Amino acid sequence: WSNCKMNFNVHPTDFDDQYSGERLTFIMVNGATVNTDCFPMVSGCNATAQRPMFSCLRDMSLDHLIDDSGELRIAAQISDVVDECPYQGNLLSAVPVVTCLVSPK
């Protein structure tokens, strides 16, 4: 594995920050915190307007976090005040995208 990069995109739910602190409090990869306090400042509460996903990580290098197995354990947490407008039933819905350059063995 080399030159591995990750994007972490979040579906807008209740991140309009109408009330203080509507954010992702952390994103972790393989036990290491890679981002804290991501404030999307977008809301998915308007059912008639589709909102684009918000990026909390873009092209973050994973080379120091990924081992030979290639396994990634990704975790994220939202603040307690994110409490409305779930996306497909989830107040936190995200799409991590990982790309790597892989050479034949």
N, C-alpha and C. Protein backbone atom coordinates (compact mmCIF):
# COMPACT_ATOMS: atom_id res chain seq x y z
N TRP A 1 0.85 -1.17 0.00
CA TRP A 1 0.00 0.00 0.00
C TRP A 1 0.89 1.23 0.00
N SER A 2 0.56 2.16 -0.87
CA SER A 2 1.29 3.42 -0.83
C SER A 2 0.40 4.55 -1.33
N ASN A 3 0.74 5.71 -0.88
CA ASN A 3 0.02 6.92 -1.29
C ASN A 3 -1.49 6.76 -1.10
N CYS A 4 -1.88 6.24 0.07
CA CYS A 4 -3.31 6.07 0.38
C CYS A 4 -3.87 7.39 0.91
N LYS A 5 -5.02 7.75 0.39
CA LYS A 5 -5.67 8.99 0.80
C LYS A 5 -7.14 8.71 1.09
N MET A 6 -7.70 9.49 2.02
CA MET A 6 -9.09 9.30 2.40
C MET A 6 -9.85 10.61 2.35
N ASN A 7 -11.07 10.53 1.83
CA ASN A 7 -12.06 11.60 1.93
C ASN A 7 -13.17 11.09 2.84
N PHE A 8 -13.75 11.98 3.64
CA PHE A 8 -14.83 11.61 4.54
C PHE A 8 -15.95 12.61 4.34
N ASN A 9 -17.00 12.16 3.67
CA ASN A 9 -18.12 13.03 3.31
C ASN A 9 -19.35 12.69 4.15
N VAL A 10 -20.03 13.72 4.61
CA VAL A 10 -21.14 13.57 5.55
C VAL A 10 -22.44 14.04 4.89
N HIS A 11 -23.49 13.22 5.04
CA HIS A 11 -24.82 13.67 4.61
C HIS A 11 -25.30 14.74 5.58
N PRO A 12 -25.88 15.82 5.09
CA PRO A 12 -26.39 16.84 6.00
C PRO A 12 -27.60 16.31 6.78
N THR A 13 -27.55 16.45 8.07
CA THR A 13 -28.71 16.15 8.91
C THR A 13 -29.02 17.43 9.68
N ASP A 14 -28.68 17.49 10.94
CA ASP A 14 -28.98 18.66 11.78
C ASP A 14 -27.68 19.41 12.08
N PHE A 15 -26.96 19.80 11.04
CA PHE A 15 -25.68 20.49 11.23
C PHE A 15 -25.77 21.97 10.90
N ASP A 16 -26.95 22.57 11.00
CA ASP A 16 -27.09 23.98 10.66
C ASP A 16 -26.57 24.89 11.77
N ASP A 17 -26.22 24.33 12.90
CA ASP A 17 -25.70 25.06 14.06
C ASP A 17 -26.67 26.14 14.54
N GLN A 18 -27.96 25.87 14.35
CA GLN A 18 -28.97 26.77 14.88
C GLN A 18 -28.84 26.83 16.41
N TYR A 19 -28.45 25.71 16.98
CA TYR A 19 -28.16 25.65 18.40
C TYR A 19 -26.69 25.30 18.52
N SER A 20 -26.04 25.85 19.47
CA SER A 20 -24.58 25.75 19.60
C SER A 20 -24.07 24.31 19.58
N GLY A 21 -23.06 24.08 18.78
CA GLY A 21 -22.32 22.82 18.84
C GLY A 21 -22.77 21.70 17.93
N GLU A 22 -23.54 21.95 16.90
CA GLU A 22 -23.97 20.89 15.98
C GLU A 22 -22.82 20.56 15.03
N ARG A 23 -22.12 19.46 15.36
CA ARG A 23 -20.89 19.14 14.63
C ARG A 23 -20.52 17.68 14.79
N LEU A 24 -19.53 17.25 14.02
CA LEU A 24 -18.86 15.98 14.28
C LEU A 24 -17.77 16.28 15.30
N THR A 25 -17.76 15.56 16.40
CA THR A 25 -16.76 15.85 17.43
C THR A 25 -15.42 15.21 17.12
N PHE A 26 -15.43 14.06 16.43
CA PHE A 26 -14.16 13.47 16.00
C PHE A 26 -14.37 12.49 14.87
N ILE A 27 -13.28 12.24 14.15
CA ILE A 27 -13.19 11.15 13.18
C ILE A 27 -11.90 10.41 13.52
N MET A 28 -12.00 9.08 13.64
CA MET A 28 -10.83 8.26 13.97
C MET A 28 -10.60 7.22 12.87
N VAL A 29 -9.33 6.92 12.63
CA VAL A 29 -8.94 5.86 11.71
C VAL A 29 -7.93 4.99 12.43
N ASN A 30 -8.25 3.71 12.55
CA ASN A 30 -7.38 2.74 13.25
C ASN A 30 -6.94 3.26 14.62
N GLY A 31 -7.86 3.87 15.34
CA GLY A 31 -7.61 4.32 16.70
C GLY A 31 -6.96 5.68 16.83
N ALA A 32 -6.58 6.30 15.73
CA ALA A 32 -5.96 7.63 15.77
C ALA A 32 -6.98 8.70 15.38
N THR A 33 -7.05 9.75 16.16
CA THR A 33 -7.94 10.85 15.83
C THR A 33 -7.34 11.64 14.67
N VAL A 34 -8.11 11.76 13.59
CA VAL A 34 -7.61 12.45 12.39
C VAL A 34 -8.33 13.77 12.13
N ASN A 35 -9.43 14.02 12.85
CA ASN A 35 -10.14 15.28 12.70
C ASN A 35 -11.00 15.49 13.94
N THR A 36 -11.09 16.74 14.37
CA THR A 36 -11.98 17.10 15.46
C THR A 36 -12.75 18.35 15.06
N ASP A 37 -13.93 18.46 15.61
CA ASP A 37 -14.76 19.66 15.42
C ASP A 37 -14.99 20.03 13.96
N CYS A 38 -15.57 19.12 13.21
CA CYS A 38 -15.99 19.43 11.84
C CYS A 38 -17.38 20.05 11.91
N PHE A 39 -17.50 21.29 11.48
CA PHE A 39 -18.77 22.02 11.50
C PHE A 39 -19.32 22.14 10.08
N PRO A 40 -20.17 21.22 9.64
CA PRO A 40 -20.71 21.31 8.28
C PRO A 40 -21.53 22.57 8.00
N MET A 41 -22.24 23.09 9.01
CA MET A 41 -23.09 24.28 8.85
C MET A 41 -24.12 24.10 7.73
N VAL A 42 -24.65 22.89 7.60
CA VAL A 42 -25.71 22.61 6.62
C VAL A 42 -26.80 21.79 7.30
N SER A 43 -27.99 21.89 6.77
CA SER A 43 -29.12 21.15 7.34
C SER A 43 -29.78 20.31 6.26
N GLY A 44 -30.20 19.13 6.66
CA GLY A 44 -30.97 18.27 5.78
C GLY A 44 -32.44 18.27 6.13
N CYS A 45 -32.88 19.30 6.85
CA CYS A 45 -34.25 19.33 7.35
C CYS A 45 -35.28 19.71 6.30
N ASN A 46 -34.88 20.28 5.19
CA ASN A 46 -35.82 20.65 4.14
C ASN A 46 -36.01 19.45 3.22
N ALA A 47 -37.14 18.81 3.34
CA ALA A 47 -37.39 17.57 2.59
C ALA A 47 -37.49 17.79 1.09
N THR A 48 -37.74 19.02 0.65
CA THR A 48 -37.89 19.28 -0.78
C THR A 48 -36.58 19.69 -1.46
N ALA A 49 -35.55 19.98 -0.68
CA ALA A 49 -34.27 20.42 -1.26
C ALA A 49 -33.19 19.41 -0.90
N GLN A 50 -32.62 18.79 -1.91
CA GLN A 50 -31.55 17.84 -1.66
C GLN A 50 -30.25 18.61 -1.43
N ARG A 51 -29.57 18.30 -0.36
CA ARG A 51 -28.33 18.98 -0.02
C ARG A 51 -27.14 18.11 -0.40
N PRO A 52 -26.08 18.73 -0.92
CA PRO A 52 -24.88 17.94 -1.24
C PRO A 52 -24.19 17.49 0.04
N MET A 53 -23.41 16.45 -0.09
CA MET A 53 -22.64 15.98 1.06
C MET A 53 -21.56 17.01 1.39
N PHE A 54 -21.15 17.01 2.65
CA PHE A 54 -20.14 17.95 3.14
C PHE A 54 -18.87 17.18 3.44
N SER A 55 -17.73 17.71 3.06
CA SER A 55 -16.46 17.03 3.28
C SER A 55 -15.84 17.46 4.61
N CYS A 56 -15.61 16.48 5.49
CA CYS A 56 -14.88 16.75 6.73
C CYS A 56 -13.40 16.40 6.60
N LEU A 57 -13.06 15.57 5.63
CA LEU A 57 -11.66 15.25 5.32
C LEU A 57 -11.52 15.21 3.81
N ARG A 58 -10.42 15.72 3.32
CA ARG A 58 -10.18 15.67 1.88
C ARG A 58 -8.71 15.35 1.63
N ASP A 59 -8.47 14.25 0.92
CA ASP A 59 -7.11 13.82 0.55
C ASP A 59 -6.18 13.69 1.75
N MET A 60 -6.71 13.17 2.86
CA MET A 60 -5.87 12.96 4.04
C MET A 60 -5.01 11.71 3.84
N SER A 61 -3.72 11.85 4.06
CA SER A 61 -2.81 10.72 3.89
C SER A 61 -3.07 9.67 4.97
N LEU A 62 -3.14 8.41 4.53
CA LEU A 62 -3.32 7.28 5.46
C LEU A 62 -2.05 6.45 5.59
N ASP A 63 -0.99 6.82 4.89
CA ASP A 63 0.20 5.98 4.84
C ASP A 63 0.75 5.64 6.23
N HIS A 64 0.63 6.55 7.18
CA HIS A 64 1.14 6.31 8.53
C HIS A 64 0.14 5.53 9.40
N LEU A 65 -1.06 5.31 8.91
CA LEU A 65 -2.11 4.65 9.70
C LEU A 65 -2.48 3.26 9.21
N ILE A 66 -2.11 2.93 7.99
CA ILE A 66 -2.53 1.66 7.40
C ILE A 66 -1.38 0.66 7.49
N ASP A 67 -1.70 -0.57 7.89
CA ASP A 67 -0.66 -1.59 7.99
C ASP A 67 -0.71 -2.51 6.77
N ASP A 68 0.10 -3.55 6.80
CA ASP A 68 0.21 -4.44 5.64
C ASP A 68 -1.11 -5.15 5.30
N SER A 69 -1.99 -5.31 6.29
CA SER A 69 -3.27 -5.98 6.03
C SER A 69 -4.21 -5.09 5.22
N GLY A 70 -4.00 -3.79 5.29
CA GLY A 70 -4.87 -2.85 4.58
C GLY A 70 -6.18 -2.56 5.29
N GLU A 71 -6.36 -3.12 6.48
CA GLU A 71 -7.61 -2.92 7.22
C GLU A 71 -7.70 -1.49 7.74
N LEU A 72 -8.89 -0.91 7.61
CA LEU A 72 -9.17 0.41 8.17
C LEU A 72 -10.40 0.32 9.06
N ARG A 73 -10.26 0.77 10.28
CA ARG A 73 -11.38 0.88 11.21
C ARG A 73 -11.68 2.37 11.35
N ILE A 74 -12.83 2.77 10.87
CA ILE A 74 -13.20 4.19 10.85
C ILE A 74 -14.33 4.41 11.83
N ALA A 75 -14.18 5.43 12.67
CA ALA A 75 -15.22 5.78 13.65
C ALA A 75 -15.41 7.29 13.62
N ALA A 76 -16.63 7.71 13.92
CA ALA A 76 -16.92 9.14 14.01
C ALA A 76 -18.02 9.33 15.05
N GLN A 77 -18.08 10.54 15.58
CA GLN A 77 -19.10 10.84 16.59
C GLN A 77 -19.65 12.24 16.35
N ILE A 78 -20.95 12.39 16.58
CA ILE A 78 -21.59 13.70 16.50
C ILE A 78 -21.91 14.18 17.90
N SER A 79 -22.08 15.48 18.04
CA SER A 79 -22.46 16.04 19.34
C SER A 79 -23.91 15.69 19.66
N ASP A 80 -24.24 15.73 20.94
CA ASP A 80 -25.59 15.37 21.40
C ASP A 80 -26.67 16.28 20.84
N VAL A 81 -26.32 17.51 20.46
CA VAL A 81 -27.34 18.44 19.99
C VAL A 81 -27.72 18.23 18.52
N VAL A 82 -27.03 17.32 17.83
CA VAL A 82 -27.48 16.91 16.49
C VAL A 82 -28.60 15.90 16.72
N ASP A 83 -29.84 16.38 16.65
CA ASP A 83 -30.96 15.55 17.10
C ASP A 83 -32.18 15.58 16.18
N GLU A 84 -32.01 16.10 14.96
CA GLU A 84 -33.14 16.20 14.03
C GLU A 84 -32.71 15.78 12.63
N CYS A 85 -33.69 15.54 11.80
CA CYS A 85 -33.52 15.38 10.35
C CYS A 85 -32.57 14.25 9.97
N PRO A 86 -32.81 13.04 10.44
CA PRO A 86 -31.92 11.93 10.09
C PRO A 86 -31.91 11.66 8.59
N TYR A 87 -30.80 11.11 8.11
CA TYR A 87 -30.69 10.66 6.73
C TYR A 87 -30.82 9.15 6.74
N GLN A 88 -31.85 8.63 6.11
CA GLN A 88 -32.16 7.20 6.10
C GLN A 88 -32.12 6.61 7.51
N GLY A 89 -32.68 7.37 8.46
CA GLY A 89 -32.81 6.90 9.84
C GLY A 89 -31.60 7.15 10.72
N ASN A 90 -30.55 7.77 10.18
CA ASN A 90 -29.32 7.98 10.96
C ASN A 90 -28.99 9.46 11.07
N LEU A 91 -28.71 9.91 12.30
CA LEU A 91 -28.29 11.29 12.49
C LEU A 91 -26.86 11.51 12.00
N LEU A 92 -26.05 10.45 11.98
CA LEU A 92 -24.72 10.50 11.38
C LEU A 92 -24.69 9.51 10.23
N SER A 93 -24.55 10.02 9.03
CA SER A 93 -24.44 9.18 7.84
C SER A 93 -23.29 9.75 7.02
N ALA A 94 -22.29 8.91 6.77
CA ALA A 94 -21.10 9.38 6.07
C ALA A 94 -20.64 8.36 5.05
N VAL A 95 -19.85 8.83 4.10
CA VAL A 95 -19.27 7.98 3.07
C VAL A 95 -17.77 8.22 3.05
N PRO A 96 -17.00 7.30 3.63
CA PRO A 96 -15.54 7.42 3.51
C PRO A 96 -15.10 6.83 2.17
N VAL A 97 -14.19 7.51 1.50
CA VAL A 97 -13.66 7.05 0.22
C VAL A 97 -12.15 6.99 0.34
N VAL A 98 -11.59 5.80 0.08
CA VAL A 98 -10.14 5.60 0.20
C VAL A 98 -9.59 5.21 -1.16
N THR A 99 -8.49 5.83 -1.54
CA THR A 99 -7.78 5.45 -2.76
C THR A 99 -6.32 5.18 -2.40
N CYS A 100 -5.74 4.16 -3.05
CA CYS A 100 -4.34 3.80 -2.83
C CYS A 100 -3.71 3.43 -4.16
N LEU A 101 -2.42 3.61 -4.25
CA LEU A 101 -1.66 3.06 -5.36
C LEU A 101 -1.19 1.69 -4.93
N VAL A 102 -1.49 0.68 -5.70
CA VAL A 102 -1.15 -0.69 -5.34
C VAL A 102 -0.28 -1.26 -6.45
N SER A 103 0.85 -1.83 -6.05
CA SER A 103 1.73 -2.45 -7.06
C SER A 103 1.65 -3.96 -6.94
N PRO A 104 1.84 -4.67 -8.03
CA PRO A 104 1.79 -6.14 -7.98
C PRO A 104 2.92 -6.69 -7.13
N LYS A 105 2.66 -7.82 -6.47
CA LYS A 105 3.70 -8.43 -5.62
C LYS A 105 4.51 -9.41 -6.40
